[in-house]
Amino acid sequence: MRERENTAVLRALRDTAADLAARCAPGEGKRALEQLAENLRFSDPVSAPMLQEAEAALTAYIQELEQALIEGDPESIPALCEAAEAALAQRNRLCKTYKL
C-alpha cells in the first residue's frame, strides 16, 4: 500500500495529461500535450518529500492546462506544456540526484 501512495501523485498527473491530450483538438497544442503525457509516462513515478516543490509546480501547470482546455484557449497550451516539461525535467534531475 505504501508504494501505491508514493506513486499516486505522478500517476494522477500522467492520467490527467493523457486525458487532456485525448480531449484536445488536433494541432500544436494536442502534440504538446501528447508529448507531455508521454514524458510523464516514462518519468520515475516514486514521490518523496524532497520532490514536493517540483511536483506542486507540475500539478499547477497541469491544472492550468486543464483550465485552458475548458476555456477554449488552445494558443496558451504549447507554452504551458513547455513550462510543465521544465518542471518535470527539474523533478527528474532531483530524482537522479537523490537516486529515487
N, C-alpha and C. Protein backbone atom coordinates (compact mmCIF):
# COMPACT_ATOMS: atom_id res chain seq x y z
N MET A 1 0.82 -1.19 0.00
CA MET A 1 0.00 0.00 0.00
C MET A 1 0.86 1.25 0.00
N ARG A 2 1.99 1.20 0.69
CA ARG A 2 2.85 2.37 0.79
C ARG A 2 3.38 2.79 -0.59
N GLU A 3 3.78 1.83 -1.43
CA GLU A 3 4.28 2.16 -2.76
C GLU A 3 3.19 2.83 -3.59
N ARG A 4 1.97 2.36 -3.46
CA ARG A 4 0.86 2.96 -4.20
C ARG A 4 0.70 4.43 -3.81
N GLU A 5 0.83 4.74 -2.52
CA GLU A 5 0.75 6.12 -2.06
C GLU A 5 1.91 6.94 -2.61
N ASN A 6 3.09 6.34 -2.68
CA ASN A 6 4.28 7.04 -3.15
C ASN A 6 4.24 7.32 -4.65
N THR A 7 3.41 6.62 -5.38
CA THR A 7 3.33 6.84 -6.82
C THR A 7 2.05 7.55 -7.23
N ALA A 8 1.18 7.84 -6.29
CA ALA A 8 -0.14 8.40 -6.61
C ALA A 8 -0.04 9.76 -7.30
N VAL A 9 0.87 10.61 -6.88
CA VAL A 9 0.97 11.96 -7.46
C VAL A 9 1.28 11.89 -8.94
N LEU A 10 2.33 11.20 -9.29
CA LEU A 10 2.73 11.16 -10.70
C LEU A 10 1.74 10.35 -11.54
N ARG A 11 1.16 9.32 -10.96
CA ARG A 11 0.15 8.56 -11.70
C ARG A 11 -1.05 9.44 -12.03
N ALA A 12 -1.48 10.26 -11.09
CA ALA A 12 -2.61 11.16 -11.33
C ALA A 12 -2.26 12.21 -12.39
N LEU A 13 -1.05 12.75 -12.32
CA LEU A 13 -0.62 13.73 -13.31
C LEU A 13 -0.55 13.10 -14.70
N ARG A 14 -0.01 11.91 -14.77
CA ARG A 14 0.10 11.18 -16.03
C ARG A 14 -1.29 10.94 -16.63
N ASP A 15 -2.21 10.48 -15.81
CA ASP A 15 -3.56 10.19 -16.28
C ASP A 15 -4.27 11.47 -16.73
N THR A 16 -4.11 12.54 -15.99
CA THR A 16 -4.74 13.81 -16.35
C THR A 16 -4.17 14.34 -17.66
N ALA A 17 -2.86 14.28 -17.83
CA ALA A 17 -2.24 14.77 -19.06
C ALA A 17 -2.71 13.94 -20.26
N ALA A 18 -2.81 12.64 -20.10
CA ALA A 18 -3.28 11.79 -21.19
C ALA A 18 -4.73 12.12 -21.54
N ASP A 19 -5.54 12.37 -20.53
CA ASP A 19 -6.93 12.74 -20.75
C ASP A 19 -7.03 14.08 -21.48
N LEU A 20 -6.21 15.04 -21.08
CA LEU A 20 -6.22 16.35 -21.75
C LEU A 20 -5.81 16.21 -23.21
N ALA A 21 -4.81 15.40 -23.47
CA ALA A 21 -4.36 15.19 -24.85
C ALA A 21 -5.47 14.57 -25.68
N ALA A 22 -6.19 13.65 -25.10
CA ALA A 22 -7.28 12.99 -25.81
C ALA A 22 -8.43 13.95 -26.11
N ARG A 23 -8.66 14.91 -25.22
CA ARG A 23 -9.76 15.86 -25.39
C ARG A 23 -9.39 17.06 -26.26
N CYS A 24 -8.12 17.30 -26.47
CA CYS A 24 -7.67 18.48 -27.21
C CYS A 24 -7.87 18.30 -28.72
N ALA A 25 -8.25 19.39 -29.38
CA ALA A 25 -8.42 19.36 -30.84
C ALA A 25 -7.06 19.18 -31.50
N PRO A 26 -7.03 18.56 -32.68
CA PRO A 26 -5.75 18.38 -33.38
C PRO A 26 -5.04 19.71 -33.60
N GLY A 27 -3.72 19.65 -33.52
CA GLY A 27 -2.91 20.85 -33.73
C GLY A 27 -1.70 20.86 -32.83
N GLU A 28 -1.08 22.02 -32.75
CA GLU A 28 0.15 22.17 -31.97
C GLU A 28 -0.06 21.86 -30.49
N GLY A 29 -1.19 22.30 -29.93
CA GLY A 29 -1.49 22.05 -28.52
C GLY A 29 -1.64 20.57 -28.22
N LYS A 30 -2.32 19.85 -29.10
CA LYS A 30 -2.50 18.41 -28.91
C LYS A 30 -1.16 17.69 -28.95
N ARG A 31 -0.31 18.06 -29.90
CA ARG A 31 1.01 17.42 -29.98
C ARG A 31 1.82 17.68 -28.70
N ALA A 32 1.75 18.91 -28.20
CA ALA A 32 2.49 19.25 -26.98
C ALA A 32 1.95 18.47 -25.79
N LEU A 33 0.63 18.33 -25.69
CA LEU A 33 0.03 17.56 -24.60
C LEU A 33 0.38 16.09 -24.71
N GLU A 34 0.39 15.55 -25.91
CA GLU A 34 0.76 14.15 -26.10
C GLU A 34 2.21 13.91 -25.68
N GLN A 35 3.08 14.85 -26.01
CA GLN A 35 4.49 14.72 -25.63
C GLN A 35 4.65 14.79 -24.11
N LEU A 36 3.93 15.72 -23.49
CA LEU A 36 3.98 15.83 -22.03
C LEU A 36 3.48 14.54 -21.39
N ALA A 37 2.36 14.01 -21.87
CA ALA A 37 1.81 12.76 -21.32
C ALA A 37 2.82 11.62 -21.48
N GLU A 38 3.47 11.58 -22.62
CA GLU A 38 4.48 10.54 -22.87
C GLU A 38 5.67 10.68 -21.92
N ASN A 39 6.13 11.91 -21.72
CA ASN A 39 7.26 12.14 -20.81
C ASN A 39 6.88 11.81 -19.36
N LEU A 40 5.65 12.11 -18.98
CA LEU A 40 5.19 11.75 -17.64
C LEU A 40 5.13 10.23 -17.49
N ARG A 41 4.72 9.57 -18.56
CA ARG A 41 4.60 8.11 -18.53
C ARG A 41 5.95 7.44 -18.25
N PHE A 42 7.02 8.02 -18.77
CA PHE A 42 8.34 7.41 -18.60
C PHE A 42 9.16 8.03 -17.48
N SER A 43 8.55 8.91 -16.72
CA SER A 43 9.22 9.52 -15.58
C SER A 43 9.12 8.60 -14.37
N ASP A 44 10.11 8.65 -13.50
CA ASP A 44 10.10 7.85 -12.27
C ASP A 44 8.84 8.21 -11.47
N PRO A 45 7.97 7.25 -11.18
CA PRO A 45 6.71 7.57 -10.51
C PRO A 45 6.79 7.75 -8.99
N VAL A 46 7.91 7.36 -8.40
CA VAL A 46 8.01 7.39 -6.94
C VAL A 46 8.20 8.82 -6.44
N SER A 47 7.37 9.18 -5.48
CA SER A 47 7.43 10.51 -4.89
C SER A 47 8.21 10.45 -3.58
N ALA A 48 8.70 11.61 -3.17
CA ALA A 48 9.43 11.70 -1.92
C ALA A 48 9.32 13.15 -1.44
N PRO A 49 9.56 13.39 -0.15
CA PRO A 49 9.42 14.75 0.37
C PRO A 49 10.26 15.80 -0.37
N MET A 50 11.45 15.43 -0.82
CA MET A 50 12.30 16.42 -1.50
C MET A 50 11.79 16.77 -2.90
N LEU A 51 10.78 16.06 -3.38
CA LEU A 51 10.20 16.32 -4.70
C LEU A 51 8.92 17.14 -4.63
N GLN A 52 8.46 17.44 -3.43
CA GLN A 52 7.16 18.10 -3.27
C GLN A 52 7.07 19.43 -4.02
N GLU A 53 8.09 20.23 -3.96
CA GLU A 53 8.04 21.54 -4.63
C GLU A 53 7.94 21.37 -6.15
N ALA A 54 8.74 20.49 -6.71
CA ALA A 54 8.70 20.25 -8.16
C ALA A 54 7.36 19.64 -8.57
N GLU A 55 6.85 18.74 -7.75
CA GLU A 55 5.56 18.11 -8.06
C GLU A 55 4.41 19.11 -7.92
N ALA A 56 4.52 20.03 -6.98
CA ALA A 56 3.49 21.06 -6.83
C ALA A 56 3.48 21.98 -8.06
N ALA A 57 4.65 22.33 -8.55
CA ALA A 57 4.73 23.17 -9.75
C ALA A 57 4.16 22.43 -10.94
N LEU A 58 4.49 21.17 -11.09
CA LEU A 58 3.98 20.35 -12.19
C LEU A 58 2.45 20.22 -12.10
N THR A 59 1.94 20.02 -10.91
CA THR A 59 0.49 19.94 -10.69
C THR A 59 -0.19 21.24 -11.09
N ALA A 60 0.41 22.36 -10.73
CA ALA A 60 -0.16 23.67 -11.07
C ALA A 60 -0.22 23.86 -12.58
N TYR A 61 0.83 23.45 -13.29
CA TYR A 61 0.83 23.57 -14.75
C TYR A 61 -0.23 22.68 -15.39
N ILE A 62 -0.41 21.49 -14.86
CA ILE A 62 -1.43 20.58 -15.39
C ILE A 62 -2.82 21.19 -15.16
N GLN A 63 -3.02 21.80 -14.00
CA GLN A 63 -4.30 22.44 -13.73
C GLN A 63 -4.53 23.62 -14.67
N GLU A 64 -3.49 24.39 -14.95
CA GLU A 64 -3.60 25.50 -15.90
C GLU A 64 -3.92 24.99 -17.30
N LEU A 65 -3.31 23.87 -17.68
CA LEU A 65 -3.61 23.27 -18.98
C LEU A 65 -5.07 22.84 -19.05
N GLU A 66 -5.56 22.25 -17.99
CA GLU A 66 -6.95 21.83 -17.96
C GLU A 66 -7.88 23.04 -18.08
N GLN A 67 -7.53 24.11 -17.39
CA GLN A 67 -8.34 25.33 -17.45
C GLN A 67 -8.31 25.93 -18.86
N ALA A 68 -7.15 25.93 -19.50
CA ALA A 68 -7.04 26.46 -20.86
C ALA A 68 -7.90 25.65 -21.82
N LEU A 69 -7.94 24.36 -21.63
CA LEU A 69 -8.77 23.50 -22.48
C LEU A 69 -10.26 23.77 -22.24
N ILE A 70 -10.63 23.92 -20.99
CA ILE A 70 -12.02 24.20 -20.64
C ILE A 70 -12.47 25.54 -21.22
N GLU A 71 -11.58 26.53 -21.13
CA GLU A 71 -11.92 27.88 -21.59
C GLU A 71 -11.75 28.06 -23.10
N GLY A 72 -11.31 27.03 -23.78
CA GLY A 72 -11.13 27.12 -25.23
C GLY A 72 -9.99 28.06 -25.62
N ASP A 73 -8.86 27.93 -24.92
CA ASP A 73 -7.70 28.78 -25.17
C ASP A 73 -6.53 27.93 -25.67
N PRO A 74 -6.62 27.39 -26.88
CA PRO A 74 -5.58 26.48 -27.37
C PRO A 74 -4.23 27.17 -27.61
N GLU A 75 -4.24 28.48 -27.77
CA GLU A 75 -2.98 29.20 -28.02
C GLU A 75 -2.03 29.13 -26.83
N SER A 76 -2.57 29.03 -25.62
CA SER A 76 -1.72 29.00 -24.43
C SER A 76 -1.18 27.60 -24.11
N ILE A 77 -1.74 26.58 -24.74
CA ILE A 77 -1.36 25.20 -24.40
C ILE A 77 0.11 24.88 -24.67
N PRO A 78 0.68 25.23 -25.84
CA PRO A 78 2.09 24.89 -26.05
C PRO A 78 3.04 25.52 -25.02
N ALA A 79 2.80 26.78 -24.66
CA ALA A 79 3.67 27.44 -23.67
C ALA A 79 3.51 26.80 -22.30
N LEU A 80 2.29 26.46 -21.93
CA LEU A 80 2.07 25.79 -20.64
C LEU A 80 2.71 24.41 -20.63
N CYS A 81 2.63 23.71 -21.74
CA CYS A 81 3.28 22.39 -21.83
C CYS A 81 4.79 22.53 -21.69
N GLU A 82 5.35 23.56 -22.30
CA GLU A 82 6.79 23.79 -22.19
C GLU A 82 7.19 24.04 -20.73
N ALA A 83 6.39 24.83 -20.03
CA ALA A 83 6.66 25.10 -18.62
C ALA A 83 6.52 23.82 -17.79
N ALA A 84 5.50 23.02 -18.10
CA ALA A 84 5.31 21.75 -17.39
C ALA A 84 6.47 20.80 -17.67
N GLU A 85 6.95 20.79 -18.91
CA GLU A 85 8.11 19.95 -19.27
C GLU A 85 9.34 20.38 -18.47
N ALA A 86 9.52 21.68 -18.28
CA ALA A 86 10.66 22.17 -17.50
C ALA A 86 10.53 21.73 -16.04
N ALA A 87 9.32 21.80 -15.49
CA ALA A 87 9.11 21.35 -14.11
C ALA A 87 9.34 19.84 -13.99
N LEU A 88 8.92 19.09 -15.00
CA LEU A 88 9.15 17.64 -15.00
C LEU A 88 10.65 17.33 -15.09
N ALA A 89 11.36 18.08 -15.92
CA ALA A 89 12.81 17.88 -16.05
C ALA A 89 13.51 18.16 -14.72
N GLN A 90 13.06 19.20 -14.03
CA GLN A 90 13.62 19.52 -12.71
C GLN A 90 13.35 18.38 -11.73
N ARG A 91 12.13 17.85 -11.74
CA ARG A 91 11.80 16.73 -10.87
C ARG A 91 12.66 15.52 -11.20
N ASN A 92 12.85 15.25 -12.49
CA ASN A 92 13.67 14.11 -12.90
C ASN A 92 15.12 14.28 -12.46
N ARG A 93 15.64 15.52 -12.54
CA ARG A 93 17.01 15.78 -12.06
C ARG A 93 17.11 15.51 -10.56
N LEU A 94 16.09 15.94 -9.81
CA LEU A 94 16.09 15.69 -8.37
C LEU A 94 16.03 14.19 -8.07
N CYS A 95 15.25 13.46 -8.85
CA CYS A 95 15.18 12.01 -8.66
C CYS A 95 16.56 11.38 -8.83
N LYS A 96 17.27 11.81 -9.87
CA LYS A 96 18.61 11.28 -10.11
C LYS A 96 19.57 11.69 -9.01
N THR A 97 19.45 12.93 -8.56
CA THR A 97 20.34 13.44 -7.52
C THR A 97 20.17 12.62 -6.24
N TYR A 98 18.92 12.35 -5.90
CA TYR A 98 18.64 11.61 -4.67
C TYR A 98 18.50 10.11 -4.89
N LYS A 99 18.72 9.69 -6.16
CA LYS A 99 18.67 8.28 -6.55
C LYS A 99 17.41 7.60 -6.07
N LEU A 100 16.28 8.22 -6.41
CA LEU A 100 14.97 7.64 -6.03
C LEU A 100 14.55 6.62 -7.05
